[in-house]
Amino acid sequence: MASKKQECPTCEEVPVWLTTYGDMVTLLLTFFVMLFSIGKATPQEIQLILSAFSNSLGMFEGGQTLSKGRLEEMGMNLEALPSQTAGRSLSSAKAQAKSIFKPEIEARKVRIDEDERGIIISLVGADYFEPGSALPTPAMEDALAKAAGLIDSLNRYARVEGHASADEARLRAASDEERDYANVWDLAGARAINSIVFMQAKGVKPHLLQGMSYGSYRPLRNEGEDGTPEAKANNRRIDIVILPEKEPDRSRSEALEGLPGTRIPGAEYLIPDR
């Protein structure tokens, strides 16, 4: 005799308001997790996305769509945000830099990191700059030639940041080919400029490059009162920062001096509605 099929016990009815609220919280959580995953969206882009959700919570048939503007093609697909594309491009640039500088990385003469500025290539070898000197050594010229090829292939803007160790302010230039430097700001700046000039001679477009000096005030290693030779060598360096912005496509009639975000008098700009 066949056994009687057991019926499923009656489940306790869930209030409609609780189901609706749970759905809303889940959707909001998913939305903010996706926002976090894109990482580098600009405030302007975030504001444009949030405008689509204005007055759309509650018992409505649907929300608004993105208003027409310069990011219209972005639509509701968060994975297509320009910042997401830039992030993938930077990851590719970092992998390329690690491949190019693999021997130097293994020899601890180059460090490659990434932060909010972009990809940082730190040339920290003890044989890259002589103490008190801003003239690149042959080893530094080899490393700069590799960096020049990388910047040229990526077609990205790059910033060369000069650094010095704390005790170099009192050192005199060892070579008759260079002048004495007034202080660590002067020395670190000269290192950045000499590196830029060398990379320009290797074919890098000069408008892609910029230089700055940090003196001895952003050390990689703490030198203490005396300082070890290794710590001083790490602080006697340049950092080449590959910036997120690529060179924009330009017509032959356009000047090359304009940097990303530069406003040209008379030009029209699309600003999303607030």
C-alpha atoms as a PDB file:
ATOM      1  CA  MET A   1       0.000   0.000   0.000  1.00  0.00           C
ATOM      2  CA  ALA A   2       1.413   3.359  -1.062  1.00  0.00           C
ATOM      3  CA  SER A   3       2.238   5.686   1.771  1.00  0.00           C
ATOM      4  CA  LYS A   4       0.305   8.892   1.987  1.00  0.00           C
ATOM      5  CA  LYS A   5       2.223  11.873   0.594  1.00  0.00           C
ATOM      6  CA  GLN A   6       3.222  14.171   3.403  1.00  0.00           C
ATOM      7  CA  GLU A   7       2.076  17.723   2.906  1.00  0.00           C
ATOM      8  CA  CYS A   8       4.478  20.641   3.309  1.00  0.00           C
ATOM      9  CA  PRO A   9       3.823  22.508   6.550  1.00  0.00           C
ATOM     10  CA  THR A  10       2.308  25.923   6.143  1.00  0.00           C
ATOM     11  CA  CYS A  11       4.998  28.634   6.277  1.00  0.00           C
ATOM     12  CA  GLU A  12       4.429  31.693   8.374  1.00  0.00           C
ATOM     13  CA  GLU A  13       3.336  34.533   6.154  1.00  0.00           C
ATOM     14  CA  VAL A  14       5.908  37.312   5.817  1.00  0.00           C
ATOM     15  CA  PRO A  15       4.558  40.887   5.911  1.00  0.00           C
ATOM     16  CA  VAL A  16       4.708  42.617   2.538  1.00  0.00           C
ATOM     17  CA  TRP A  17       6.469  45.646   3.996  1.00  0.00           C
ATOM     18  CA  LEU A  18       9.298  43.462   5.331  1.00  0.00           C
ATOM     19  CA  THR A  19       9.812  41.767   1.951  1.00  0.00           C
ATOM     20  CA  THR A  20       9.873  45.111   0.168  1.00  0.00           C
ATOM     21  CA  TYR A  21      12.335  46.599   2.677  1.00  0.00           C
ATOM     22  CA  GLY A  22      14.608  43.538   2.422  1.00  0.00           C
ATOM     23  CA  ASP A  23      14.622  43.792  -1.353  1.00  0.00           C
ATOM     24  CA  MET A  24      15.506  47.477  -1.149  1.00  0.00           C
ATOM     25  CA  VAL A  25      18.398  46.886   1.280  1.00  0.00           C
ATOM     26  CA  THR A  26      19.743  44.068  -0.877  1.00  0.00           C
ATOM     27  CA  LEU A  27      19.635  46.217  -4.009  1.00  0.00           C
ATOM     28  CA  LEU A  28      21.306  49.144  -2.226  1.00  0.00           C
ATOM     29  CA  LEU A  29      24.029  46.869  -0.868  1.00  0.00           C
ATOM     30  CA  THR A  30      24.641  45.455  -4.351  1.00  0.00           C
ATOM     31  CA  PHE A  31      24.786  48.961  -5.766  1.00  0.00           C
ATOM     32  CA  PHE A  32      27.365  50.213  -3.269  1.00  0.00           C
ATOM     33  CA  VAL A  33      29.473  47.050  -3.594  1.00  0.00           C
ATOM     34  CA  MET A  34      29.618  47.697  -7.344  1.00  0.00           C
ATOM     35  CA  LEU A  35      30.565  51.321  -6.684  1.00  0.00           C
ATOM     36  CA  PHE A  36      33.370  50.157  -4.395  1.00  0.00           C
ATOM     37  CA  SER A  37      34.586  47.675  -7.022  1.00  0.00           C
ATOM     38  CA  ILE A  38      35.094  50.371  -9.664  1.00  0.00           C
ATOM     39  CA  GLY A  39      37.435  52.142  -7.264  1.00  0.00           C
ATOM     40  CA  LYS A  40      38.420  55.262  -9.162  1.00  0.00           C
ATOM     41  CA  ALA A  41      35.150  56.820 -10.322  1.00  0.00           C
ATOM     42  CA  THR A  42      35.255  60.627 -10.181  1.00  0.00           C
ATOM     43  CA  PRO A  43      32.715  62.569  -8.073  1.00  0.00           C
ATOM     44  CA  GLN A  44      31.196  63.873 -11.290  1.00  0.00           C
ATOM     45  CA  GLU A  45      30.595  60.350 -12.594  1.00  0.00           C
ATOM     46  CA  ILE A  46      29.156  59.163  -9.258  1.00  0.00           C
ATOM     47  CA  GLN A  47      26.785  62.134  -9.187  1.00  0.00           C
ATOM     48  CA  LEU A  48      25.590  61.337 -12.692  1.00  0.00           C
ATOM     49  CA  ILE A  49      24.911  57.713 -11.747  1.00  0.00           C
ATOM     50  CA  LEU A  50      23.041  58.689  -8.566  1.00  0.00           C
ATOM     51  CA  SER A  51      20.816  61.036 -10.556  1.00  0.00           C
ATOM     52  CA  ALA A  52      19.242  57.954 -12.130  1.00  0.00           C
ATOM     53  CA  PHE A  53      17.980  56.858  -8.699  1.00  0.00           C
ATOM     54  CA  SER A  54      16.475  60.187  -7.702  1.00  0.00           C
ATOM     55  CA  ASN A  55      12.872  59.734  -6.417  1.00  0.00           C
ATOM     56  CA  SER A  56      12.918  56.075  -7.470  1.00  0.00           C
ATOM     57  CA  LEU A  57      12.641  54.412  -4.044  1.00  0.00           C
ATOM     58  CA  GLY A  58       9.285  53.162  -2.845  1.00  0.00           C
ATOM     59  CA  MET A  59       6.225  51.951  -4.749  1.00  0.00           C
ATOM     60  CA  PHE A  60       7.004  53.440  -8.170  1.00  0.00           C
ATOM     61  CA  GLU A  61       6.870  51.929 -11.621  1.00  0.00           C
ATOM     62  CA  GLY A  62      10.516  52.744 -12.250  1.00  0.00           C
ATOM     63  CA  GLY A  63      13.319  55.231 -11.839  1.00  0.00           C
ATOM     64  CA  GLN A  64      14.728  57.896 -14.079  1.00  0.00           C
ATOM     65  CA  THR A  65      17.251  57.326 -16.796  1.00  0.00           C
ATOM     66  CA  LEU A  66      20.610  59.053 -17.095  1.00  0.00           C
ATOM     67  CA  SER A  67      20.247  62.565 -18.430  1.00  0.00           C
ATOM     68  CA  LYS A  68      21.760  63.264 -21.821  1.00  0.00           C
ATOM     69  CA  GLY A  69      25.331  64.511 -21.557  1.00  0.00           C
ATOM     70  CA  ARG A  70      28.945  63.652 -22.210  1.00  0.00           C
ATOM     71  CA  LEU A  71      28.623  60.319 -20.325  1.00  0.00           C
ATOM     72  CA  GLU A  72      25.357  59.252 -21.949  1.00  0.00           C
ATOM     73  CA  GLU A  73      26.936  56.212 -23.581  1.00  0.00           C
ATOM     74  CA  MET A  74      27.939  54.961 -20.148  1.00  0.00           C
ATOM     75  CA  GLY A  75      24.280  54.071 -19.497  1.00  0.00           C
ATOM     76  CA  MET A  76      23.529  51.936 -16.468  1.00  0.00           C
ATOM     77  CA  ASN A  77      26.488  49.609 -17.006  1.00  0.00           C
ATOM     78  CA  LEU A  78      28.881  50.365 -14.148  1.00  0.00           C
ATOM     79  CA  GLU A  79      31.535  48.081 -15.605  1.00  0.00           C
ATOM     80  CA  ALA A  80      31.801  50.466 -18.581  1.00  0.00           C
ATOM     81  CA  LEU A  81      32.798  53.472 -16.467  1.00  0.00           C
ATOM     82  CA  PRO A  82      35.848  55.333 -17.841  1.00  0.00           C
ATOM     83  CA  SER A  83      37.559  54.871 -14.463  1.00  0.00           C
ATOM     84  CA  GLN A  84      37.153  51.098 -14.765  1.00  0.00           C
ATOM     85  CA  THR A  85      38.828  51.178 -18.170  1.00  0.00           C
ATOM     86  CA  ALA A  86      41.615  53.379 -16.803  1.00  0.00           C
ATOM     87  CA  GLY A  87      42.130  50.960 -13.901  1.00  0.00           C
ATOM     88  CA  ARG A  88      42.543  48.007 -16.242  1.00  0.00           C
ATOM     89  CA  SER A  89      44.904  50.046 -18.413  1.00  0.00           C
ATOM     90  CA  LEU A  90      47.061  50.944 -15.386  1.00  0.00           C
ATOM     91  CA  SER A  91      47.180  47.293 -14.349  1.00  0.00           C
ATOM     92  CA  SER A  92      48.447  46.437 -17.801  1.00  0.00           C
ATOM     93  CA  ALA A  93      51.029  49.231 -17.574  1.00  0.00           C
ATOM     94  CA  LYS A  94      52.213  47.927 -14.187  1.00  0.00           C
ATOM     95  CA  ALA A  95      52.634  44.405 -15.566  1.00  0.00           C
ATOM     96  CA  GLN A  96      54.567  45.799 -18.528  1.00  0.00           C
ATOM     97  CA  ALA A  97      56.838  47.823 -16.239  1.00  0.00           C
ATOM     98  CA  LYS A  98      57.572  44.769 -14.081  1.00  0.00           C
ATOM     99  CA  SER A  99      58.484  42.793 -17.178  1.00  0.00           C
ATOM    100  CA  ILE A 100      60.818  45.511 -18.500  1.00  0.00           C
ATOM    101  CA  PHE A 101      62.572  46.057 -15.157  1.00  0.00           C
ATOM    102  CA  LYS A 102      62.598  42.420 -14.039  1.00  0.00           C
ATOM    103  CA  PRO A 103      66.436  42.178 -13.718  1.00  0.00           C
ATOM    104  CA  GLU A 104      66.598  45.437 -11.757  1.00  0.00           C
ATOM    105  CA  ILE A 105      63.713  44.402  -9.503  1.00  0.00           C
ATOM    106  CA  GLU A 106      65.424  41.103  -8.699  1.00  0.00           C
ATOM    107  CA  ALA A 107      68.636  43.013  -7.952  1.00  0.00           C
ATOM    108  CA  ARG A 108      66.658  45.426  -5.721  1.00  0.00           C
ATOM    109  CA  LYS A 109      67.632  48.400  -7.850  1.00  0.00           C
ATOM    110  CA  VAL A 110      64.064  49.191  -8.900  1.00  0.00           C
ATOM    111  CA  ARG A 111      60.807  49.195  -6.945  1.00  0.00           C
ATOM    112  CA  ILE A 112      57.415  49.290  -8.650  1.00  0.00           C
ATOM    113  CA  ASP A 113      54.336  50.253  -6.630  1.00  0.00           C
ATOM    114  CA  GLU A 114      50.901  51.712  -7.267  1.00  0.00           C
ATOM    115  CA  ASP A 115      48.935  54.335  -5.357  1.00  0.00           C
ATOM    116  CA  GLU A 116      46.457  57.129  -6.060  1.00  0.00           C
ATOM    117  CA  ARG A 117      49.031  58.907  -8.224  1.00  0.00           C
ATOM    118  CA  GLY A 118      49.508  56.008 -10.639  1.00  0.00           C
ATOM    119  CA  ILE A 119      52.337  53.527 -11.230  1.00  0.00           C
ATOM    120  CA  ILE A 120      55.519  54.484  -9.338  1.00  0.00           C
ATOM    121  CA  ILE A 121      58.864  53.259 -10.667  1.00  0.00           C
ATOM    122  CA  SER A 122      61.522  54.023  -8.024  1.00  0.00           C
ATOM    123  CA  LEU A 123      65.142  53.880  -9.200  1.00  0.00           C
ATOM    124  CA  VAL A 124      66.883  53.225  -5.889  1.00  0.00           C
ATOM    125  CA  GLY A 125      70.176  51.580  -6.776  1.00  0.00           C
ATOM    126  CA  ALA A 126      73.316  52.804  -5.022  1.00  0.00           C
ATOM    127  CA  ASP A 127      75.034  53.142  -8.416  1.00  0.00           C
ATOM    128  CA  TYR A 128      72.386  55.413  -9.967  1.00  0.00           C
ATOM    129  CA  PHE A 129      73.579  58.739  -8.510  1.00  0.00           C
ATOM    130  CA  GLU A 130      76.850  59.604  -6.797  1.00  0.00           C
ATOM    131  CA  PRO A 131      76.408  61.392  -3.441  1.00  0.00           C
ATOM    132  CA  GLY A 132      75.988  65.120  -4.021  1.00  0.00           C
ATOM    133  CA  SER A 133      75.662  64.686  -7.800  1.00  0.00           C
ATOM    134  CA  ALA A 134      72.706  65.066 -10.160  1.00  0.00           C
ATOM    135  CA  LEU A 135      74.438  63.553 -13.194  1.00  0.00           C
ATOM    136  CA  PRO A 136      73.024  60.137 -14.166  1.00  0.00           C
ATOM    137  CA  THR A 137      75.584  57.342 -14.029  1.00  0.00           C
ATOM    138  CA  PRO A 138      75.790  54.771 -16.886  1.00  0.00           C
ATOM    139  CA  ALA A 139      73.603  52.425 -14.822  1.00  0.00           C
ATOM    140  CA  MET A 140      71.013  55.192 -14.405  1.00  0.00           C
ATOM    141  CA  GLU A 141      71.104  55.945 -18.134  1.00  0.00           C
ATOM    142  CA  ASP A 142      70.342  52.278 -18.885  1.00  0.00           C
ATOM    143  CA  ALA A 143      67.351  52.374 -16.515  1.00  0.00           C
ATOM    144  CA  LEU A 144      66.134  55.697 -17.923  1.00  0.00           C
ATOM    145  CA  ALA A 145      66.332  54.321 -21.464  1.00  0.00           C
ATOM    146  CA  LYS A 146      63.991  51.504 -20.413  1.00  0.00           C
ATOM    147  CA  ALA A 147      61.641  53.973 -18.736  1.00  0.00           C
ATOM    148  CA  ALA A 148      61.650  56.159 -21.850  1.00  0.00           C
ATOM    149  CA  GLY A 149      60.633  53.211 -24.010  1.00  0.00           C
ATOM    150  CA  LEU A 150      57.827  52.358 -21.575  1.00  0.00           C
ATOM    151  CA  ILE A 151      56.429  55.911 -21.475  1.00  0.00           C
ATOM    152  CA  ASP A 152      56.612  56.198 -25.245  1.00  0.00           C
ATOM    153  CA  SER A 153      54.806  52.881 -25.802  1.00  0.00           C
ATOM    154  CA  LEU A 154      52.094  53.702 -23.235  1.00  0.00           C
ATOM    155  CA  ASN A 155      51.695  57.269 -24.562  1.00  0.00           C
ATOM    156  CA  ARG A 156      50.916  58.402 -21.020  1.00  0.00           C
ATOM    157  CA  TYR A 157      51.816  61.473 -19.030  1.00  0.00           C
ATOM    158  CA  ALA A 158      54.654  60.874 -16.565  1.00  0.00           C
ATOM    159  CA  ARG A 159      56.087  62.838 -13.649  1.00  0.00           C
ATOM    160  CA  VAL A 160      59.699  62.539 -12.568  1.00  0.00           C
ATOM    161  CA  GLU A 161      60.141  63.194  -8.846  1.00  0.00           C
ATOM    162  CA  GLY A 162      63.639  63.938  -7.581  1.00  0.00           C
ATOM    163  CA  HIS A 163      64.846  62.935  -4.106  1.00  0.00           C
ATOM    164  CA  ALA A 164      68.009  63.321  -2.045  1.00  0.00           C
ATOM    165  CA  SER A 165      69.377  61.926   1.198  1.00  0.00           C
ATOM    166  CA  ALA A 166      69.460  64.225   4.215  1.00  0.00           C
ATOM    167  CA  ASP A 167      73.237  64.687   4.369  1.00  0.00           C
ATOM    168  CA  GLU A 168      73.680  65.687   0.728  1.00  0.00           C
ATOM    169  CA  ALA A 169      72.935  69.352   1.477  1.00  0.00           C
ATOM    170  CA  ARG A 170      76.514  69.816   2.700  1.00  0.00           C
ATOM    171  CA  LEU A 171      78.201  67.796  -0.056  1.00  0.00           C
ATOM    172  CA  ARG A 172      80.001  69.387  -2.968  1.00  0.00           C
ATOM    173  CA  ALA A 173      79.656  68.080  -6.504  1.00  0.00           C
ATOM    174  CA  ALA A 174      82.440  65.607  -7.167  1.00  0.00           C
ATOM    175  CA  SER A 175      82.734  66.426 -10.869  1.00  0.00           C
ATOM    176  CA  ASP A 176      83.908  69.599 -12.570  1.00  0.00           C
ATOM    177  CA  GLU A 177      81.107  69.086 -15.100  1.00  0.00           C
ATOM    178  CA  GLU A 178      78.389  70.196 -12.689  1.00  0.00           C
ATOM    179  CA  ARG A 179      77.782  73.092 -10.362  1.00  0.00           C
ATOM    180  CA  ASP A 180      77.455  73.067  -6.599  1.00  0.00           C
ATOM    181  CA  TYR A 181      73.884  72.754  -5.353  1.00  0.00           C
ATOM    182  CA  ALA A 182      72.405  75.197  -2.879  1.00  0.00           C
ATOM    183  CA  ASN A 183      70.410  72.627  -0.877  1.00  0.00           C
ATOM    184  CA  VAL A 184      68.629  69.278  -1.153  1.00  0.00           C
ATOM    185  CA  TRP A 185      65.715  70.894  -3.013  1.00  0.00           C
ATOM    186  CA  ASP A 186      68.099  72.141  -5.665  1.00  0.00           C
ATOM    187  CA  LEU A 187      69.906  68.805  -5.916  1.00  0.00           C
ATOM    188  CA  ALA A 188      66.749  66.676  -6.084  1.00  0.00           C
ATOM    189  CA  GLY A 189      65.240  69.013  -8.677  1.00  0.00           C
ATOM    190  CA  ALA A 190      68.376  68.804 -10.812  1.00  0.00           C
ATOM    191  CA  ARG A 191      68.174  65.001 -10.711  1.00  0.00           C
ATOM    192  CA  ALA A 192      64.586  65.120 -11.978  1.00  0.00           C
ATOM    193  CA  ILE A 193      65.422  67.620 -14.730  1.00  0.00           C
ATOM    194  CA  ASN A 194      68.520  65.739 -15.922  1.00  0.00           C
ATOM    195  CA  SER A 195      66.485  62.543 -16.082  1.00  0.00           C
ATOM    196  CA  ILE A 196      63.755  64.272 -18.106  1.00  0.00           C
ATOM    197  CA  VAL A 197      66.292  65.721 -20.553  1.00  0.00           C
ATOM    198  CA  PHE A 198      67.830  62.272 -21.038  1.00  0.00           C
ATOM    199  CA  MET A 199      64.456  60.605 -21.703  1.00  0.00           C
ATOM    200  CA  GLN A 200      63.489  63.378 -24.110  1.00  0.00           C
ATOM    201  CA  ALA A 201      66.697  62.677 -26.028  1.00  0.00           C
ATOM    202  CA  LYS A 202      65.565  59.032 -26.184  1.00  0.00           C
ATOM    203  CA  GLY A 203      62.405  60.038 -28.017  1.00  0.00           C
ATOM    204  CA  VAL A 204      59.819  60.726 -25.315  1.00  0.00           C
ATOM    205  CA  LYS A 205      57.533  63.628 -26.280  1.00  0.00           C
ATOM    206  CA  PRO A 206      58.520  66.502 -23.982  1.00  0.00           C
ATOM    207  CA  HIS A 207      54.910  67.579 -23.317  1.00  0.00           C
ATOM    208  CA  LEU A 208      54.273  64.174 -21.698  1.00  0.00           C
ATOM    209  CA  LEU A 209      56.886  64.843 -19.002  1.00  0.00           C
ATOM    210  CA  GLN A 210      56.935  66.972 -15.881  1.00  0.00           C
ATOM    211  CA  GLY A 211      59.451  67.250 -13.069  1.00  0.00           C
ATOM    212  CA  MET A 212      59.381  68.124  -9.389  1.00  0.00           C
ATOM    213  CA  SER A 213      61.596  68.056  -6.322  1.00  0.00           C
ATOM    214  CA  TYR A 214      60.866  66.578  -2.902  1.00  0.00           C
ATOM    215  CA  GLY A 215      64.296  67.341  -1.485  1.00  0.00           C
ATOM    216  CA  SER A 216      65.096  64.897   1.326  1.00  0.00           C
ATOM    217  CA  TYR A 217      61.629  65.090   2.837  1.00  0.00           C
ATOM    218  CA  ARG A 218      59.991  61.971   1.385  1.00  0.00           C
ATOM    219  CA  PRO A 219      62.520  59.263   2.176  1.00  0.00           C
ATOM    220  CA  LEU A 220      61.958  55.590   1.458  1.00  0.00           C
ATOM    221  CA  ARG A 221      64.155  54.634   4.412  1.00  0.00           C
ATOM    222  CA  ASN A 222      64.657  56.315   7.767  1.00  0.00           C
ATOM    223  CA  GLU A 223      68.274  57.454   7.928  1.00  0.00           C
ATOM    224  CA  GLY A 224      68.329  58.266  11.645  1.00  0.00           C
ATOM    225  CA  GLU A 225      71.172  60.357  13.048  1.00  0.00           C
ATOM    226  CA  ASP A 226      73.987  58.640  11.158  1.00  0.00           C
ATOM    227  CA  GLY A 227      72.204  56.661   8.459  1.00  0.00           C
ATOM    228  CA  THR A 228      73.366  53.490   6.757  1.00  0.00           C
ATOM    229  CA  PRO A 229      74.785  53.588   3.220  1.00  0.00           C
ATOM    230  CA  GLU A 230      71.858  51.451   2.040  1.00  0.00           C
ATOM    231  CA  ALA A 231      69.268  53.849   3.488  1.00  0.00           C
ATOM    232  CA  LYS A 232      71.016  56.853   1.935  1.00  0.00           C
ATOM    233  CA  ALA A 233      71.181  55.121  -1.452  1.00  0.00           C
ATOM    234  CA  ASN A 234      67.440  54.384  -1.315  1.00  0.00           C
ATOM    235  CA  ASN A 235      66.722  58.032  -0.605  1.00  0.00           C
ATOM    236  CA  ARG A 236      69.154  59.232  -3.290  1.00  0.00           C
ATOM    237  CA  ARG A 237      66.792  58.454  -6.141  1.00  0.00           C
ATOM    238  CA  ILE A 238      64.161  59.484  -8.644  1.00  0.00           C
ATOM    239  CA  ASP A 239      60.598  58.194  -8.864  1.00  0.00           C
ATOM    240  CA  ILE A 240      58.979  57.989 -12.286  1.00  0.00           C
ATOM    241  CA  VAL A 241      55.201  58.175 -11.851  1.00  0.00           C
ATOM    242  CA  ILE A 242      53.127  56.897 -14.769  1.00  0.00           C
ATOM    243  CA  LEU A 243      49.957  58.980 -14.443  1.00  0.00           C
ATOM    244  CA  PRO A 244      46.465  57.602 -15.168  1.00  0.00           C
ATOM    245  CA  GLU A 245      45.805  60.091 -17.990  1.00  0.00           C
ATOM    246  CA  LYS A 246      46.775  59.125 -21.519  1.00  0.00           C
ATOM    247  CA  GLU A 247      47.617  61.727 -24.123  1.00  0.00           C
ATOM    248  CA  PRO A 248      44.318  62.679 -25.793  1.00  0.00           C
ATOM    249  CA  ASP A 249      43.948  62.219 -29.520  1.00  0.00           C
ATOM    250  CA  ARG A 250      44.541  65.536 -31.242  1.00  0.00           C
ATOM    251  CA  SER A 251      44.130  66.802 -34.762  1.00  0.00           C
ATOM    252  CA  ARG A 252      47.044  68.378 -36.572  1.00  0.00           C
ATOM    253  CA  SER A 253      45.603  71.837 -35.930  1.00  0.00           C
ATOM    254  CA  GLU A 254      45.562  71.373 -32.158  1.00  0.00           C
ATOM    255  CA  ALA A 255      48.450  72.385 -29.912  1.00  0.00           C
ATOM    256  CA  LEU A 256      50.259  69.760 -27.849  1.00  0.00           C
ATOM    257  CA  GLU A 257      50.611  71.897 -24.732  1.00  0.00           C
ATOM    258  CA  GLY A 258      47.150  71.251 -23.330  1.00  0.00           C
ATOM    259  CA  LEU A 259      47.205  68.838 -20.370  1.00  0.00           C
ATOM    260  CA  PRO A 260      44.243  66.708 -19.214  1.00  0.00           C
ATOM    261  CA  GLY A 261      41.586  68.901 -17.660  1.00  0.00           C
ATOM    262  CA  THR A 262      43.055  72.114 -19.081  1.00  0.00           C
ATOM    263  CA  ARG A 263      40.373  74.586 -20.102  1.00  0.00           C
ATOM    264  CA  ILE A 264      41.034  76.443 -23.329  1.00  0.00           C
ATOM    265  CA  PRO A 265      39.454  79.935 -23.589  1.00  0.00           C
ATOM    266  CA  GLY A 266      36.467  79.906 -25.929  1.00  0.00           C
ATOM    267  CA  ALA A 267      35.970  76.126 -25.800  1.00  0.00           C
ATOM    268  CA  GLU A 268      32.598  74.642 -24.808  1.00  0.00           C
ATOM    269  CA  TYR A 269      32.347  72.036 -22.082  1.00  0.00           C
ATOM    270  CA  LEU A 270      29.455  69.745 -21.270  1.00  0.00           C
ATOM    271  CA  ILE A 271      28.576  69.815 -17.566  1.00  0.00           C
ATOM    272  CA  PRO A 272      26.034  67.259 -16.280  1.00  0.00           C
ATOM    273  CA  ASP A 273      22.838  68.734 -14.862  1.00  0.00           C
ATOM    274  CA  ARG A 274      22.779  68.964 -11.093  1.00  0.00           C
END
